[in-house]
PDB file of N, CA and C in Angstrom:
ATOM      1  N   MET A   1       0.460  -0.802   0.394  1.00  0.00           N
ATOM      2  CA  MET A   1      -0.013  -0.254   0.064  1.00  0.00           C
ATOM      3  C   MET A   1       0.840   1.079   0.265  1.00  0.00           C
ATOM      4  N   MET A   2       0.671   2.112  -1.030  1.00  0.00           N
ATOM      5  CA  MET A   2       1.181   3.368  -1.206  1.00  0.00           C
ATOM      6  C   MET A   2       0.708   4.571   0.323  1.00  0.00           C
ATOM      7  N   LEU A   3       1.833   4.806   0.947  1.00  0.00           N
ATOM      8  CA  LEU A   3       1.725   5.512   1.846  1.00  0.00           C
ATOM      9  C   LEU A   3       1.869   6.984   2.047  1.00  0.00           C
ATOM     10  N   PRO A   4       1.448   7.973   2.057  1.00  0.00           N
ATOM     11  CA  PRO A   4       1.518   9.295   1.266  1.00  0.00           C
ATOM     12  C   PRO A   4       2.799  10.013   2.482  1.00  0.00           C
ATOM     13  N   THR A   5       3.663  10.874   2.095  1.00  0.00           N
ATOM     14  CA  THR A   5       4.411  11.453   2.467  1.00  0.00           C
ATOM     15  C   THR A   5       4.273  13.015   2.851  1.00  0.00           C
ATOM     16  N   ILE A   6       4.143  12.825   4.140  1.00  0.00           N
ATOM     17  CA  ILE A   6       3.448  14.292   4.534  1.00  0.00           C
ATOM     18  C   ILE A   6       5.674  15.485   4.020  1.00  0.00           C
ATOM     19  N   HIS A   7       4.561  16.590   4.218  1.00  0.00           N
ATOM     20  CA  HIS A   7       5.950  17.578   3.279  1.00  0.00           C
ATOM     21  C   HIS A   7       5.001  18.814   2.983  1.00  0.00           C
ATOM     22  N   MET A   8       5.785  19.581   2.907  1.00  0.00           N
ATOM     23  CA  MET A   8       5.503  21.475   3.078  1.00  0.00           C
ATOM     24  C   MET A   8       4.912  21.912   1.844  1.00  0.00           C
ATOM     25  N   ASN A   9       4.890  21.236   0.537  1.00  0.00           N
ATOM     26  CA  ASN A   9       3.988  21.145  -0.579  1.00  0.00           C
ATOM     27  C   ASN A   9       3.090  19.996  -0.619  1.00  0.00           C
ATOM     28  N   GLY A  10       2.709  19.645   0.314  1.00  0.00           N
ATOM     29  CA  GLY A  10       2.048  18.435  -0.253  1.00  0.00           C
ATOM     30  C   GLY A  10       0.091  18.759   0.715  1.00  0.00           C
ATOM     31  N   THR A  11      -0.126  17.944   0.673  1.00  0.00           N
ATOM     32  CA  THR A  11      -1.621  17.946   1.849  1.00  0.00           C
ATOM     33  C   THR A  11      -1.292  18.452   3.250  1.00  0.00           C
ATOM     34  N   SER A  12      -1.624  18.634   4.030  1.00  0.00           N
ATOM     35  CA  SER A  12      -1.199  18.756   5.729  1.00  0.00           C
ATOM     36  C   SER A  12      -1.129  17.047   5.586  1.00  0.00           C
ATOM     37  N   ALA A  13      -0.981  17.263   7.278  1.00  0.00           N
ATOM     38  CA  ALA A  13      -1.647  15.331   8.202  1.00  0.00           C
ATOM     39  C   ALA A  13      -3.037  15.592   8.755  1.00  0.00           C
ATOM     40  N   ARG A  14      -3.412  16.766   8.988  1.00  0.00           N
ATOM     41  CA  ARG A  14      -4.509  17.165   9.475  1.00  0.00           C
ATOM     42  C   ARG A  14      -5.618  16.671   7.928  1.00  0.00           C
ATOM     43  N   ALA A  15      -5.134  17.548   7.377  1.00  0.00           N
ATOM     44  CA  ALA A  15      -6.406  17.435   6.207  1.00  0.00           C
ATOM     45  C   ALA A  15      -5.825  16.170   5.751  1.00  0.00           C
ATOM     46  N   LEU A  16      -5.229  15.751   5.527  1.00  0.00           N
ATOM     47  CA  LEU A  16      -5.397  13.506   5.048  1.00  0.00           C
ATOM     48  C   LEU A  16      -5.917  13.080   6.274  1.00  0.00           C
ATOM     49  N   ARG A  17      -5.455  13.158   7.092  1.00  0.00           N
ATOM     50  CA  ARG A  17      -6.423  12.335   8.543  1.00  0.00           C
ATOM     51  C   ARG A  17      -7.542  12.537   8.701  1.00  0.00           C
ATOM     52  N   TRP A  18      -8.529  14.159   8.272  1.00  0.00           N
ATOM     53  CA  TRP A  18      -9.557  13.777   8.706  1.00  0.00           C
ATOM     54  C   TRP A  18      -9.916  13.233   7.453  1.00  0.00           C
ATOM     55  N   GLY A  19      -9.730  13.199   5.682  1.00  0.00           N
ATOM     56  CA  GLY A  19     -10.291  12.803   4.999  1.00  0.00           C
ATOM     57  C   GLY A  19     -10.711  11.219   4.960  1.00  0.00           C
ATOM     58  N   TYR A  20      -9.440  11.127   5.395  1.00  0.00           N
ATOM     59  CA  TYR A  20      -9.616   8.826   6.305  1.00  0.00           C
ATOM     60  C   TYR A  20     -10.775   9.295   7.191  1.00  0.00           C
ATOM     61  N   CYS A  21     -10.805   9.917   7.694  1.00  0.00           N
ATOM     62  CA  CYS A  21     -11.290   9.266   8.638  1.00  0.00           C
ATOM     63  C   CYS A  21     -13.290   9.880   7.931  1.00  0.00           C
ATOM     64  N   GLU A  22     -13.632  10.474   7.150  1.00  0.00           N
ATOM     65  CA  GLU A  22     -14.625  11.145   7.386  1.00  0.00           C
ATOM     66  C   GLU A  22     -15.076   9.820   6.056  1.00  0.00           C
ATOM     67  N   ALA A  23     -14.106   9.502   5.650  1.00  0.00           N
ATOM     68  CA  ALA A  23     -14.790   8.071   4.897  1.00  0.00           C
ATOM     69  C   ALA A  23     -14.490   6.854   5.601  1.00  0.00           C
ATOM     70  N   ILE A  24     -14.165   6.608   6.507  1.00  0.00           N
ATOM     71  CA  ILE A  24     -13.753   5.546   7.312  1.00  0.00           C
ATOM     72  C   ILE A  24     -15.380   5.611   8.538  1.00  0.00           C
ATOM     73  N   SER A  25     -16.362   6.669   8.848  1.00  0.00           N
ATOM     74  CA  SER A  25     -17.639   6.688   9.307  1.00  0.00           C
ATOM     75  C   SER A  25     -18.194   6.475   7.998  1.00  0.00           C
ATOM     76  N   ALA A  26     -17.906   7.049   7.225  1.00  0.00           N
ATOM     77  CA  ALA A  26     -18.919   6.817   5.529  1.00  0.00           C
ATOM     78  C   ALA A  26     -18.674   5.323   5.499  1.00  0.00           C
ATOM     79  N   ILE A  27     -18.286   4.486   5.298  1.00  0.00           N
ATOM     80  CA  ILE A  27     -17.903   3.396   5.051  1.00  0.00           C
ATOM     81  C   ILE A  27     -18.968   2.653   6.638  1.00  0.00           C
ATOM     82  N   GLN A  28     -18.395   3.165   8.058  1.00  0.00           N
ATOM     83  CA  GLN A  28     -19.688   2.450   8.602  1.00  0.00           C
ATOM     84  C   GLN A  28     -20.452   3.043   8.615  1.00  0.00           C
ATOM     85  N   ALA A  29     -21.703   3.741   8.323  1.00  0.00           N
ATOM     86  CA  ALA A  29     -22.221   4.326   8.187  1.00  0.00           C
ATOM     87  C   ALA A  29     -23.138   2.970   6.397  1.00  0.00           C
ATOM     88  N   ALA A  30     -22.332   2.965   5.769  1.00  0.00           N
ATOM     89  CA  ALA A  30     -22.377   2.311   4.859  1.00  0.00           C
ATOM     90  C   ALA A  30     -22.826   0.463   5.522  1.00  0.00           C
ATOM     91  N   LEU A  31     -21.895  -0.212   6.168  1.00  0.00           N
ATOM     92  CA  LEU A  31     -22.153  -0.742   6.698  1.00  0.00           C
ATOM     93  C   LEU A  31     -23.850  -0.842   7.279  1.00  0.00           C
ATOM     94  N   GLU A  32     -24.252  -1.123   7.912  1.00  0.00           N
ATOM     95  CA  GLU A  32     -24.752  -0.275   8.636  1.00  0.00           C
ATOM     96  C   GLU A  32     -26.029  -0.534   8.295  1.00  0.00           C
ATOM     97  N   ALA A  33     -25.948   0.080   6.431  1.00  0.00           N
ATOM     98  CA  ALA A  33     -27.115   0.344   5.859  1.00  0.00           C
ATOM     99  C   ALA A  33     -26.940  -0.952   5.563  1.00  0.00           C
ATOM    100  N   LEU A  34     -26.329  -1.838   5.408  1.00  0.00           N
ATOM    101  CA  LEU A  34     -25.446  -3.010   4.012  1.00  0.00           C
ATOM    102  C   LEU A  34     -26.839  -3.512   5.359  1.00  0.00           C
ATOM    103  N   ALA A  35     -26.295  -4.150   6.386  1.00  0.00           N
ATOM    104  CA  ALA A  35     -26.822  -4.620   7.456  1.00  0.00           C
ATOM    105  C   ALA A  35     -28.408  -5.027   7.395  1.00  0.00           C
ATOM    106  N   CYS A  36     -28.737  -3.689   7.408  1.00  0.00           N
ATOM    107  CA  CYS A  36     -31.148  -3.518   6.788  1.00  0.00           C
ATOM    108  C   CYS A  36     -31.168  -4.319   5.548  1.00  0.00           C
ATOM    109  N   ALA A  37     -29.667  -4.263   5.080  1.00  0.00           N
ATOM    110  CA  ALA A  37     -30.703  -4.889   3.113  1.00  0.00           C
ATOM    111  C   ALA A  37     -29.933  -6.600   3.335  1.00  0.00           C
ATOM    112  N   ALA A  38     -29.632  -6.881   3.976  1.00  0.00           N
ATOM    113  CA  ALA A  38     -29.356  -8.360   4.121  1.00  0.00           C
ATOM    114  C   ALA A  38     -30.487  -9.337   3.851  1.00  0.00           C
ATOM    115  N   PRO A  39     -30.215 -10.237   2.822  1.00  0.00           N
ATOM    116  CA  PRO A  39     -30.900 -10.662   2.442  1.00  0.00           C
ATOM    117  C   PRO A  39     -32.406 -12.322   3.324  1.00  0.00           C
ATOM    118  N   ASN A  40     -33.716 -12.385   2.927  1.00  0.00           N
ATOM    119  CA  ASN A  40     -34.312 -12.956   3.682  1.00  0.00           C
ATOM    120  C   ASN A  40     -34.635 -13.739   2.703  1.00  0.00           C
ATOM    121  N   GLY A  41     -35.069 -15.153   2.859  1.00  0.00           N
ATOM    122  CA  GLY A  41     -34.729 -16.519   2.802  1.00  0.00           C
ATOM    123  C   GLY A  41     -36.050 -15.989   1.791  1.00  0.00           C
ATOM    124  N   ARG A  42     -37.453 -14.833   2.508  1.00  0.00           N
ATOM    125  CA  ARG A  42     -38.533 -15.692   1.438  1.00  0.00           C
ATOM    126  C   ARG A  42     -38.156 -14.782   0.391  1.00  0.00           C
ATOM    127  N   ASP A  43     -37.196 -14.838   0.007  1.00  0.00           N
ATOM    128  CA  ASP A  43     -36.943 -13.300  -0.948  1.00  0.00           C
ATOM    129  C   ASP A  43     -36.796 -14.176  -2.119  1.00  0.00           C
ATOM    130  N   TYR A  44     -36.089 -15.391  -2.212  1.00  0.00           N
ATOM    131  CA  TYR A  44     -35.290 -15.940  -2.536  1.00  0.00           C
ATOM    132  C   TYR A  44     -35.696 -18.389  -3.154  1.00  0.00           C
ATOM    133  N   TYR A  45     -36.299 -18.367  -1.708  1.00  0.00           N
ATOM    134  CA  TYR A  45     -36.052 -19.710  -2.281  1.00  0.00           C
ATOM    135  C   TYR A  45     -37.192 -20.366  -3.310  1.00  0.00           C
ATOM    136  N   PRO A  46     -37.985 -19.382  -3.394  1.00  0.00           N
ATOM    137  CA  PRO A  46     -38.595 -19.666  -5.300  1.00  0.00           C
ATOM    138  C   PRO A  46     -37.391 -19.782  -6.519  1.00  0.00           C
ATOM    139  N   GLN A  47     -35.968 -19.519  -5.782  1.00  0.00           N
ATOM    140  CA  GLN A  47     -35.500 -19.674  -7.323  1.00  0.00           C
ATOM    141  C   GLN A  47     -34.327 -21.313  -6.978  1.00  0.00           C
ATOM    142  N   GLY A  48     -35.142 -21.511  -6.225  1.00  0.00           N
ATOM    143  CA  GLY A  48     -34.225 -23.062  -5.775  1.00  0.00           C
ATOM    144  C   GLY A  48     -33.634 -23.413  -3.893  1.00  0.00           C
ATOM    145  N   PRO A  49     -32.747 -24.413  -4.108  1.00  0.00           N
ATOM    146  CA  PRO A  49     -33.015 -24.532  -2.565  1.00  0.00           C
ATOM    147  C   PRO A  49     -31.092 -23.554  -2.617  1.00  0.00           C
ATOM    148  N   ASP A  50     -30.186 -23.102  -3.746  1.00  0.00           N
ATOM    149  CA  ASP A  50     -29.183 -23.422  -3.243  1.00  0.00           C
ATOM    150  C   ASP A  50     -29.406 -21.080  -3.102  1.00  0.00           C
ATOM    151  N   ALA A  51     -30.501 -21.035  -3.695  1.00  0.00           N
ATOM    152  CA  ALA A  51     -30.464 -19.784  -3.995  1.00  0.00           C
ATOM    153  C   ALA A  51     -30.182 -18.507  -2.632  1.00  0.00           C
ATOM    154  N   CYS A  52     -30.946 -18.810  -1.197  1.00  0.00           N
ATOM    155  CA  CYS A  52     -31.082 -17.900  -0.006  1.00  0.00           C
ATOM    156  C   CYS A  52     -29.162 -18.055   0.331  1.00  0.00           C
ATOM    157  N   ALA A  53     -28.574 -19.215   0.440  1.00  0.00           N
ATOM    158  CA  ALA A  53     -26.900 -19.590   0.485  1.00  0.00           C
ATOM    159  C   ALA A  53     -26.168 -18.646  -0.351  1.00  0.00           C
ATOM    160  N   GLN A  54     -26.913 -18.614  -1.676  1.00  0.00           N
ATOM    161  CA  GLN A  54     -25.567 -18.248  -2.501  1.00  0.00           C
ATOM    162  C   GLN A  54     -25.781 -16.275  -2.828  1.00  0.00           C
ATOM    163  N   ALA A  55     -27.373 -16.121  -2.549  1.00  0.00           N
ATOM    164  CA  ALA A  55     -27.276 -14.384  -1.558  1.00  0.00           C
ATOM    165  C   ALA A  55     -27.082 -14.118  -0.560  1.00  0.00           C
ATOM    166  N   ASP A  56     -26.764 -15.086   0.520  1.00  0.00           N
ATOM    167  CA  ASP A  56     -25.838 -14.662   1.573  1.00  0.00           C
ATOM    168  C   ASP A  56     -24.107 -14.246   1.486  1.00  0.00           C
ATOM    169  N   ALA A  57     -24.172 -15.183   0.769  1.00  0.00           N
ATOM    170  CA  ALA A  57     -22.487 -15.480   0.172  1.00  0.00           C
ATOM    171  C   ALA A  57     -22.089 -13.736  -0.002  1.00  0.00           C
ATOM    172  N   GLU A  58     -23.251 -13.784  -1.750  1.00  0.00           N
ATOM    173  CA  GLU A  58     -22.831 -12.424  -1.974  1.00  0.00           C
ATOM    174  C   GLU A  58     -22.976 -11.152  -0.752  1.00  0.00           C
ATOM    175  N   HIS A  59     -23.856 -11.616  -0.218  1.00  0.00           N
ATOM    176  CA  HIS A  59     -24.049 -10.061   0.825  1.00  0.00           C
ATOM    177  C   HIS A  59     -23.192 -10.133   1.471  1.00  0.00           C
ATOM    178  N   ASN A  60     -22.425 -11.589   1.799  1.00  0.00           N
ATOM    179  CA  ASN A  60     -21.199 -11.348   2.286  1.00  0.00           C
ATOM    180  C   ASN A  60     -19.971 -10.770   1.872  1.00  0.00           C
ATOM    181  N   ASP A  61     -19.522 -10.740   0.640  1.00  0.00           N
ATOM    182  CA  ASP A  61     -18.951 -11.018  -0.111  1.00  0.00           C
ATOM    183  C   ASP A  61     -19.158  -8.861  -0.446  1.00  0.00           C
ATOM    184  N   ARG A  62     -20.071  -8.245  -0.447  1.00  0.00           N
ATOM    185  CA  ARG A  62     -20.176  -7.217  -0.282  1.00  0.00           C
ATOM    186  C   ARG A  62     -19.600  -5.927   1.331  1.00  0.00           C
ATOM    187  N   LYS A  63     -19.875  -7.121   1.729  1.00  0.00           N
ATOM    188  CA  LYS A  63     -19.803  -6.572   3.802  1.00  0.00           C
ATOM    189  C   LYS A  63     -18.213  -6.778   4.083  1.00  0.00           C
ATOM    190  N   HIS A  64     -17.811  -7.998   3.366  1.00  0.00           N
ATOM    191  CA  HIS A  64     -16.261  -7.647   3.498  1.00  0.00           C
ATOM    192  C   HIS A  64     -15.599  -6.687   2.570  1.00  0.00           C
ATOM    193  N   ALA A  65     -15.683  -6.056   1.382  1.00  0.00           N
ATOM    194  CA  ALA A  65     -15.289  -5.752   0.893  1.00  0.00           C
ATOM    195  C   ALA A  65     -15.307  -4.284   1.180  1.00  0.00           C
ATOM    196  N   LEU A  66     -16.267  -3.695   1.787  1.00  0.00           N
ATOM    197  CA  LEU A  66     -15.936  -2.190   2.402  1.00  0.00           C
ATOM    198  C   LEU A  66     -15.260  -2.193   3.824  1.00  0.00           C
ATOM    199  N   ILE A  67     -15.386  -3.601   4.271  1.00  0.00           N
ATOM    200  CA  ILE A  67     -14.012  -4.124   5.544  1.00  0.00           C
ATOM    201  C   ILE A  67     -12.733  -4.048   4.913  1.00  0.00           C
ATOM    202  N   LYS A  68     -12.807  -3.756   4.504  1.00  0.00           N
ATOM    203  CA  LYS A  68     -11.420  -4.105   3.921  1.00  0.00           C
ATOM    204  C   LYS A  68     -11.216  -3.036   3.142  1.00  0.00           C
ATOM    205  N   VAL A  69     -12.221  -1.919   2.507  1.00  0.00           N
ATOM    206  CA  VAL A  69     -11.510  -0.764   1.911  1.00  0.00           C
ATOM    207  C   VAL A  69     -12.129   0.561   3.449  1.00  0.00           C
ATOM    208  N   MET A  70     -12.404   0.305   4.171  1.00  0.00           N
ATOM    209  CA  MET A  70     -12.195   0.630   5.364  1.00  0.00           C
ATOM    210  C   MET A  70     -10.720   0.531   6.852  1.00  0.00           C
ATOM    211  N   ASN A  71     -10.247  -1.336   6.049  1.00  0.00           N
ATOM    212  CA  ASN A  71      -9.022  -1.049   7.006  1.00  0.00           C
ATOM    213  C   ASN A  71      -7.663  -0.669   6.479  1.00  0.00           C
ATOM    214  N   GLU A  72      -7.755  -0.839   5.113  1.00  0.00           N
ATOM    215  CA  GLU A  72      -6.887   0.412   4.641  1.00  0.00           C
ATOM    216  C   GLU A  72      -6.744   1.209   4.531  1.00  0.00           C
ATOM    217  N   LEU A  73      -8.191   2.030   4.638  1.00  0.00           N
ATOM    218  CA  LEU A  73      -7.949   3.592   5.349  1.00  0.00           C
ATOM    219  C   LEU A  73      -7.839   3.815   6.443  1.00  0.00           C
ATOM    220  N   GLN A  74      -8.181   3.050   7.306  1.00  0.00           N
ATOM    221  CA  GLN A  74      -7.667   3.018   9.328  1.00  0.00           C
ATOM    222  C   GLN A  74      -5.927   3.183   9.221  1.00  0.00           C
ATOM    223  N   VAL A  75      -4.710   2.210   7.953  1.00  0.00           N
ATOM    224  CA  VAL A  75      -3.939   1.872   8.190  1.00  0.00           C
ATOM    225  C   VAL A  75      -3.296   3.538   7.798  1.00  0.00           C
ATOM    226  N   LEU A  76      -4.000   4.145   6.483  1.00  0.00           N
ATOM    227  CA  LEU A  76      -3.713   4.767   6.592  1.00  0.00           C
ATOM    228  C   LEU A  76      -3.998   5.954   7.191  1.00  0.00           C
ATOM    229  N   ALA A  77      -4.687   6.396   7.572  1.00  0.00           N
ATOM    230  CA  ALA A  77      -4.970   7.483   9.016  1.00  0.00           C
ATOM    231  C   ALA A  77      -3.956   7.189   9.773  1.00  0.00           C
ATOM    232  N   GLU A  78      -3.937   6.803  10.319  1.00  0.00           N
ATOM    233  CA  GLU A  78      -3.007   5.980  11.648  1.00  0.00           C
ATOM    234  C   GLU A  78      -1.829   6.107  10.929  1.00  0.00           C
ATOM    235  N   HIS A  79      -1.311   6.143   9.832  1.00  0.00           N
ATOM    236  CA  HIS A  79       0.310   6.639   9.340  1.00  0.00           C
ATOM    237  C   HIS A  79       0.182   8.262   9.638  1.00  0.00           C
ATOM    238  N   VAL A  80      -0.774   8.872   9.024  1.00  0.00           N
ATOM    239  CA  VAL A  80      -0.772  10.480   9.196  1.00  0.00           C
ATOM    240  C   VAL A  80      -1.177  10.462  10.555  1.00  0.00           C
ATOM    241  N   ALA A  81      -1.084  10.024  11.464  1.00  0.00           N
ATOM    242  CA  ALA A  81      -2.306  10.440  13.043  1.00  0.00           C
ATOM    243  C   ALA A  81      -0.110  10.517  13.339  1.00  0.00           C
ATOM    244  N   ASP A  82       0.938   9.325  12.555  1.00  0.00           N
ATOM    245  CA  ASP A  82       1.672   8.771  12.758  1.00  0.00           C
ATOM    246  C   ASP A  82       2.719  10.323  12.972  1.00  0.00           C
ATOM    247  N   ARG A  83       2.823  10.363  11.882  1.00  0.00           N
ATOM    248  CA  ARG A  83       3.676  11.655  11.435  1.00  0.00           C
ATOM    249  C   ARG A  83       2.833  12.747  11.923  1.00  0.00           C
ATOM    250  N   GLN A  84       1.982  13.245  12.766  1.00  0.00           N
ATOM    251  CA  GLN A  84       1.520  13.985  12.918  1.00  0.00           C
ATOM    252  C   GLN A  84       2.909  14.699  14.574  1.00  0.00           C
ATOM    253  N   LYS A  85       2.521  13.858  15.149  1.00  0.00           N
ATOM    254  CA  LYS A  85       3.167  13.149  16.657  1.00  0.00           C
ATOM    255  C   LYS A  85       4.966  14.335  16.519  1.00  0.00           C
TER     256      LYS A  85
END
């Protein structure tokens, strides 16, 4: 993962950290919304015996994709915070 270099001609550490933290908060909100959109077996069973399991697996893939991005942003935010000290 490429980490930013904090220097005079670049974006300030404070601004970078704020941006990363805002993005993390947005992903946390997206994860909460995604939880409310979890598959309901009643919406899938007419499609066959494996449909609900597939819908659940796809839902979990979406959740893990968001978590992966959130974790990367956390690494970036921590990197920048360490440079502020």
